[in-house]
Each structure stands twice: as C-alpha cells, then as structure tokens.
C-alpha cells in the first residue's frame, strides 16, 4: 500500500470548500491531506482506493470518521461496522481499530486529544 500526503500549502481558511474534492483517488494508494493541525487535534481528508486498508492500531485520543464518498468497513475493538456516505463513527482512544475500503472511499477524520 502506498500512502501519499498532499503537501499543498493552499490556504483553506475563510472560504467554502468541497471536502471530497481536497483529495483525489490514486489506484493502489491512500491519499491524505491535513486540513487543520493544532495541539488539541487534527482534521484530515483521506481517499482510499478500493481494497486499501489501515491495519489494526490504536490512537491516544478519540477519532471521528465521517464518510464523504464510498463505503468502508471499520472494525473497533473487534466489532465490524460498515460506514456509508453521510454516516460517521467514533473510534475511542486506546481501543484497537482498523479500516478497509469496500469501494473507493473518502473520509474526513477528526482527532481530538483528551485533556489531562
């Protein structure tokens, strides 16, 4: 699997933007573009080619995935969930989760760190 990060420096503030249009699909790859990066969390748009996946892992803070296009299976703590356009799912901090794109899939990922 190839993971590509879009390093565009285009200013995204103070204007309407098509979220799904911020990243393009690439065969055999996962493409990401960070929209916001702050000490308390990040907002990133991802595009997954069909069949691409993120292996099981944990994160130190909560993450919310919002489906922008296509479908994906997201497994959280061993329980499989199918996410479809317009739906979202929250992956709790420290709980193992994984993602597999059933079709070409775009999502907005919002990660918010837990306060001390």
N, C-alpha and C. Protein backbone atom coordinates (compact mmCIF):
# COMPACT_ATOMS: atom_id res chain seq x y z
N UNK A 1 0.84 -1.17 0.00
CA UNK A 1 0.00 0.00 0.00
C UNK A 1 0.88 1.24 0.00
N UNK A 2 0.53 2.16 -0.85
CA UNK A 2 1.24 3.43 -0.93
C UNK A 2 0.41 4.49 -0.22
N UNK A 3 1.03 5.24 0.71
CA UNK A 3 0.34 6.35 1.38
C UNK A 3 0.97 7.64 0.90
N UNK A 4 0.13 8.52 0.36
CA UNK A 4 0.59 9.79 -0.17
C UNK A 4 -0.01 10.93 0.63
N UNK A 5 0.83 11.85 1.07
CA UNK A 5 0.35 13.04 1.77
C UNK A 5 0.44 14.22 0.85
N UNK A 6 -0.70 14.92 0.69
CA UNK A 6 -0.73 16.12 -0.13
C UNK A 6 -0.13 17.25 0.71
N UNK A 7 0.92 17.84 0.23
CA UNK A 7 1.61 18.89 0.98
C UNK A 7 1.29 20.28 0.45
N UNK A 8 0.14 20.40 -0.20
CA UNK A 8 -0.28 21.67 -0.76
C UNK A 8 -0.37 22.72 0.35
N UNK A 9 0.13 23.89 0.05
CA UNK A 9 0.10 24.97 1.04
C UNK A 9 -1.05 25.94 0.78
N UNK A 10 -1.95 25.55 -0.11
CA UNK A 10 -3.10 26.39 -0.41
C UNK A 10 -3.84 26.75 0.88
N UNK A 11 -4.14 28.03 1.06
CA UNK A 11 -4.86 28.48 2.25
C UNK A 11 -6.32 28.08 2.14
N UNK A 12 -6.80 27.36 3.12
CA UNK A 12 -8.18 26.87 3.10
C UNK A 12 -9.11 27.67 3.99
N UNK A 13 -8.61 28.67 4.67
CA UNK A 13 -9.41 29.40 5.66
C UNK A 13 -10.33 30.43 5.02
N UNK A 14 -11.46 30.65 5.68
CA UNK A 14 -12.42 31.72 5.37
C UNK A 14 -13.03 31.62 3.98
N UNK A 15 -13.27 30.37 3.52
CA UNK A 15 -13.98 30.20 2.24
C UNK A 15 -14.61 28.81 2.20
N UNK A 16 -15.68 28.70 1.42
CA UNK A 16 -16.37 27.41 1.27
C UNK A 16 -15.53 26.49 0.40
N UNK A 17 -15.44 25.22 0.83
CA UNK A 17 -14.60 24.24 0.14
C UNK A 17 -15.34 22.91 0.03
N UNK A 18 -15.20 22.25 -1.11
CA UNK A 18 -15.73 20.91 -1.31
C UNK A 18 -14.76 19.93 -0.65
N UNK A 19 -15.14 19.38 0.51
CA UNK A 19 -14.24 18.49 1.26
C UNK A 19 -13.74 17.31 0.42
N UNK A 20 -14.66 16.62 -0.24
CA UNK A 20 -14.27 15.44 -1.02
C UNK A 20 -13.32 15.81 -2.15
N UNK A 21 -13.37 17.06 -2.61
CA UNK A 21 -12.50 17.49 -3.69
C UNK A 21 -11.09 17.84 -3.27
N UNK A 22 -10.82 17.80 -1.96
CA UNK A 22 -9.47 18.13 -1.48
C UNK A 22 -8.45 17.03 -1.73
N UNK A 23 -8.91 15.81 -1.95
CA UNK A 23 -8.01 14.69 -2.26
C UNK A 23 -8.57 13.92 -3.44
N UNK A 24 -7.68 13.37 -4.25
CA UNK A 24 -8.08 12.57 -5.41
C UNK A 24 -7.71 11.12 -5.19
N UNK A 25 -8.50 10.24 -5.76
CA UNK A 25 -8.19 8.81 -5.70
C UNK A 25 -6.95 8.51 -6.53
N UNK A 26 -6.12 7.58 -6.02
CA UNK A 26 -4.99 7.05 -6.77
C UNK A 26 -5.03 5.54 -6.65
N UNK A 27 -4.96 4.84 -7.79
CA UNK A 27 -5.00 3.38 -7.76
C UNK A 27 -3.93 2.83 -6.83
N UNK A 28 -4.33 1.87 -5.98
CA UNK A 28 -3.40 1.20 -5.09
C UNK A 28 -2.82 2.07 -3.99
N UNK A 29 -3.52 3.17 -3.66
CA UNK A 29 -2.94 4.10 -2.69
C UNK A 29 -3.99 4.66 -1.75
N UNK A 30 -3.46 5.21 -0.66
CA UNK A 30 -4.24 6.02 0.28
C UNK A 30 -3.64 7.41 0.20
N UNK A 31 -4.48 8.40 -0.06
CA UNK A 31 -4.04 9.79 -0.16
C UNK A 31 -4.63 10.57 1.00
N UNK A 32 -3.82 11.43 1.63
CA UNK A 32 -4.34 12.23 2.74
C UNK A 32 -3.93 13.68 2.58
N UNK A 33 -4.75 14.55 3.15
CA UNK A 33 -4.46 15.98 3.17
C UNK A 33 -4.91 16.54 4.51
N UNK A 34 -3.97 17.05 5.27
CA UNK A 34 -4.28 17.65 6.56
C UNK A 34 -4.90 19.02 6.32
N UNK A 35 -6.05 19.25 6.93
CA UNK A 35 -6.78 20.50 6.77
C UNK A 35 -6.50 21.43 7.95
N UNK A 36 -6.47 20.86 9.14
CA UNK A 36 -6.17 21.61 10.37
C UNK A 36 -5.22 20.77 11.21
N UNK A 37 -4.21 21.42 11.77
CA UNK A 37 -3.30 20.76 12.70
C UNK A 37 -3.05 21.71 13.86
N UNK A 38 -3.56 21.33 15.02
CA UNK A 38 -3.43 22.13 16.22
C UNK A 38 -2.98 21.22 17.37
N UNK A 39 -2.45 21.79 18.45
CA UNK A 39 -2.02 20.96 19.57
C UNK A 39 -3.14 20.08 20.15
N UNK A 40 -4.39 20.51 20.05
CA UNK A 40 -5.50 19.73 20.60
C UNK A 40 -6.11 18.73 19.62
N UNK A 41 -5.62 18.71 18.38
CA UNK A 41 -6.14 17.72 17.44
C UNK A 41 -5.90 18.09 16.00
N UNK A 42 -6.37 17.20 15.11
CA UNK A 42 -6.18 17.40 13.67
C UNK A 42 -7.47 17.07 12.92
N UNK A 43 -7.56 17.63 11.71
CA UNK A 43 -8.63 17.32 10.77
C UNK A 43 -7.95 16.97 9.45
N UNK A 44 -8.24 15.77 8.93
CA UNK A 44 -7.56 15.28 7.73
C UNK A 44 -8.58 14.64 6.79
N UNK A 45 -8.43 14.88 5.49
CA UNK A 45 -9.26 14.24 4.48
C UNK A 45 -8.44 13.10 3.85
N UNK A 46 -9.06 11.94 3.70
CA UNK A 46 -8.40 10.76 3.13
C UNK A 46 -9.17 10.26 1.91
N UNK A 47 -8.45 9.72 0.93
CA UNK A 47 -9.03 8.99 -0.20
C UNK A 47 -8.35 7.63 -0.28
N UNK A 48 -9.15 6.56 -0.20
CA UNK A 48 -8.64 5.19 -0.26
C UNK A 48 -9.06 4.56 -1.58
N UNK A 49 -8.14 3.96 -2.30
CA UNK A 49 -8.50 3.15 -3.45
C UNK A 49 -9.26 1.92 -2.93
N UNK A 50 -10.12 1.36 -3.76
CA UNK A 50 -10.87 0.17 -3.35
C UNK A 50 -9.92 -0.91 -2.86
N UNK A 51 -10.25 -1.50 -1.71
CA UNK A 51 -9.46 -2.59 -1.15
C UNK A 51 -8.29 -2.15 -0.28
N UNK A 52 -7.94 -0.87 -0.31
CA UNK A 52 -6.85 -0.39 0.55
C UNK A 52 -7.31 -0.38 2.00
N UNK A 53 -6.35 -0.46 2.90
CA UNK A 53 -6.72 -0.56 4.31
C UNK A 53 -5.67 0.05 5.22
N UNK A 54 -6.10 0.31 6.43
CA UNK A 54 -5.20 0.66 7.52
C UNK A 54 -5.27 -0.50 8.50
N UNK A 55 -4.14 -1.10 8.81
CA UNK A 55 -4.13 -2.24 9.71
C UNK A 55 -4.51 -1.81 11.12
N UNK A 56 -4.85 -2.79 11.92
CA UNK A 56 -5.29 -2.51 13.29
C UNK A 56 -4.23 -1.73 14.05
N UNK A 57 -4.68 -0.69 14.74
CA UNK A 57 -3.79 0.16 15.52
C UNK A 57 -4.62 0.87 16.60
N UNK A 58 -3.97 1.57 17.48
CA UNK A 58 -4.66 2.39 18.47
C UNK A 58 -4.18 3.82 18.33
N UNK A 59 -4.97 4.72 18.86
CA UNK A 59 -4.60 6.14 18.90
C UNK A 59 -4.76 6.62 20.34
N UNK A 60 -3.97 7.59 20.74
CA UNK A 60 -4.04 8.07 22.13
C UNK A 60 -5.20 9.02 22.38
N UNK A 61 -6.02 9.28 21.34
CA UNK A 61 -7.15 10.18 21.51
C UNK A 61 -8.30 9.74 20.61
N UNK A 62 -9.51 10.24 20.90
CA UNK A 62 -10.69 9.88 20.13
C UNK A 62 -10.54 10.34 18.68
N UNK A 63 -11.16 9.59 17.76
CA UNK A 63 -11.16 9.94 16.35
C UNK A 63 -12.56 9.73 15.79
N UNK A 64 -13.02 10.69 14.99
CA UNK A 64 -14.33 10.59 14.36
C UNK A 64 -14.13 10.56 12.85
N UNK A 65 -14.64 9.50 12.22
CA UNK A 65 -14.56 9.36 10.77
C UNK A 65 -15.93 9.69 10.18
N UNK A 66 -15.95 10.60 9.19
CA UNK A 66 -17.17 10.99 8.51
C UNK A 66 -17.03 10.57 7.05
N UNK A 67 -17.95 9.73 6.58
CA UNK A 67 -17.90 9.20 5.22
C UNK A 67 -18.34 10.27 4.22
N UNK A 68 -17.45 10.62 3.30
CA UNK A 68 -17.74 11.60 2.25
C UNK A 68 -18.12 10.94 0.93
N UNK A 69 -17.62 9.71 0.71
CA UNK A 69 -17.87 9.02 -0.56
C UNK A 69 -17.51 7.55 -0.40
N UNK A 70 -18.31 6.66 -0.95
CA UNK A 70 -18.00 5.24 -0.93
C UNK A 70 -18.33 4.58 0.39
N UNK A 71 -17.84 3.36 0.54
CA UNK A 71 -18.11 2.58 1.75
C UNK A 71 -16.84 1.95 2.29
N UNK A 72 -16.80 1.80 3.62
CA UNK A 72 -15.66 1.17 4.26
C UNK A 72 -16.14 0.33 5.45
N UNK A 73 -15.37 -0.69 5.75
CA UNK A 73 -15.59 -1.46 6.98
C UNK A 73 -14.58 -0.95 7.99
N UNK A 74 -15.09 -0.52 9.13
CA UNK A 74 -14.25 -0.04 10.22
C UNK A 74 -14.50 -0.96 11.40
N UNK A 75 -13.44 -1.61 11.85
CA UNK A 75 -13.54 -2.53 12.98
C UNK A 75 -12.99 -1.83 14.22
N UNK A 76 -13.79 -1.83 15.28
CA UNK A 76 -13.41 -1.17 16.53
C UNK A 76 -13.55 -2.20 17.65
N UNK A 77 -12.45 -2.48 18.32
CA UNK A 77 -12.49 -3.45 19.41
C UNK A 77 -13.04 -4.79 18.97
N UNK A 78 -12.75 -5.21 17.74
CA UNK A 78 -13.18 -6.49 17.22
C UNK A 78 -14.57 -6.49 16.60
N UNK A 79 -15.31 -5.39 16.68
CA UNK A 79 -16.66 -5.32 16.12
C UNK A 79 -16.63 -4.58 14.78
N UNK A 80 -17.12 -5.25 13.71
CA UNK A 80 -17.13 -4.66 12.37
C UNK A 80 -18.32 -3.72 12.20
N UNK A 81 -18.07 -2.61 11.54
CA UNK A 81 -19.09 -1.61 11.22
C UNK A 81 -18.91 -1.20 9.77
N UNK A 82 -20.00 -1.15 9.00
CA UNK A 82 -19.96 -0.65 7.63
C UNK A 82 -20.40 0.80 7.67
N UNK A 83 -19.60 1.70 7.11
CA UNK A 83 -19.93 3.12 7.06
C UNK A 83 -20.22 3.51 5.63
N UNK A 84 -21.28 4.31 5.45
CA UNK A 84 -21.74 4.73 4.13
C UNK A 84 -21.79 6.25 4.06
N UNK A 85 -21.90 6.83 2.86
CA UNK A 85 -21.90 8.29 2.72
C UNK A 85 -22.91 8.97 3.65
N UNK A 86 -22.43 10.02 4.31
CA UNK A 86 -23.27 10.77 5.24
C UNK A 86 -23.25 10.23 6.65
N UNK A 87 -22.65 9.07 6.85
CA UNK A 87 -22.58 8.48 8.20
C UNK A 87 -21.22 8.79 8.84
N UNK A 88 -21.19 8.66 10.16
CA UNK A 88 -19.95 8.84 10.90
C UNK A 88 -19.84 7.78 11.96
N UNK A 89 -18.61 7.61 12.45
CA UNK A 89 -18.36 6.67 13.53
C UNK A 89 -17.23 7.23 14.39
N UNK A 90 -17.34 7.02 15.69
CA UNK A 90 -16.30 7.50 16.62
C UNK A 90 -15.48 6.31 17.08
N UNK A 91 -14.17 6.43 16.93
CA UNK A 91 -13.23 5.41 17.39
C UNK A 91 -12.62 5.90 18.70
N UNK A 92 -12.97 5.27 19.82
CA UNK A 92 -12.48 5.73 21.12
C UNK A 92 -10.97 5.57 21.28
N UNK A 93 -10.40 6.47 22.04
CA UNK A 93 -8.97 6.41 22.34
C UNK A 93 -8.61 5.06 22.94
N UNK A 94 -7.44 4.56 22.57
CA UNK A 94 -6.83 3.35 23.13
C UNK A 94 -7.56 2.05 22.79
N UNK A 95 -8.59 2.09 21.95
CA UNK A 95 -9.28 0.88 21.52
C UNK A 95 -8.77 0.52 20.11
N UNK A 96 -8.30 -0.71 19.89
CA UNK A 96 -7.79 -1.08 18.58
C UNK A 96 -8.86 -0.91 17.49
N UNK A 97 -8.46 -0.35 16.35
CA UNK A 97 -9.38 -0.18 15.22
C UNK A 97 -8.61 -0.35 13.92
N UNK A 98 -9.37 -0.68 12.87
CA UNK A 98 -8.80 -0.90 11.54
C UNK A 98 -9.84 -0.46 10.51
N UNK A 99 -9.38 -0.21 9.28
CA UNK A 99 -10.27 0.26 8.22
C UNK A 99 -9.92 -0.45 6.92
N UNK A 100 -10.96 -0.85 6.17
CA UNK A 100 -10.78 -1.42 4.83
C UNK A 100 -11.80 -0.79 3.90
N UNK A 101 -11.33 -0.21 2.80
CA UNK A 101 -12.22 0.40 1.82
C UNK A 101 -12.93 -0.68 1.01
N UNK A 102 -14.25 -0.78 1.15
CA UNK A 102 -15.04 -1.75 0.39
C UNK A 102 -15.14 -1.30 -1.06
N UNK A 103 -15.32 0.01 -1.25
CA UNK A 103 -15.30 0.65 -2.56
C UNK A 103 -14.27 1.78 -2.45
N UNK A 104 -14.09 2.53 -3.51
CA UNK A 104 -13.29 3.75 -3.33
C UNK A 104 -13.97 4.53 -2.22
N UNK A 105 -13.17 5.13 -1.35
CA UNK A 105 -13.72 5.68 -0.10
C UNK A 105 -12.99 6.96 0.28
N UNK A 106 -13.77 8.00 0.59
CA UNK A 106 -13.19 9.24 1.11
C UNK A 106 -13.81 9.53 2.47
N UNK A 107 -12.98 10.00 3.39
CA UNK A 107 -13.49 10.34 4.72
C UNK A 107 -12.79 11.58 5.25
N UNK A 108 -13.50 12.24 6.15
CA UNK A 108 -12.93 13.31 6.95
C UNK A 108 -12.66 12.71 8.30
N UNK A 109 -11.42 12.80 8.77
CA UNK A 109 -11.04 12.26 10.07
C UNK A 109 -10.74 13.41 11.01
N UNK A 110 -11.48 13.44 12.12
CA UNK A 110 -11.28 14.48 13.13
C UNK A 110 -10.76 13.79 14.38
N UNK A 111 -9.56 14.16 14.82
CA UNK A 111 -8.97 13.57 16.02
C UNK A 111 -8.82 14.67 17.07
N UNK A 112 -9.38 14.38 18.24
CA UNK A 112 -9.33 15.35 19.34
C UNK A 112 -8.66 14.69 20.53
N UNK A 113 -7.62 15.32 21.02
CA UNK A 113 -6.88 14.77 22.15
C UNK A 113 -7.68 14.94 23.43
N UNK A 114 -7.57 13.96 24.31
CA UNK A 114 -8.21 14.05 25.62
C UNK A 114 -7.42 15.01 26.48
N UNK A 115 -8.14 15.79 27.26
CA UNK A 115 -7.45 16.72 28.15
C UNK A 115 -6.90 15.95 29.36
N UNK A 116 -5.90 16.51 29.98
CA UNK A 116 -5.25 15.84 31.12
C UNK A 116 -6.12 15.82 32.33
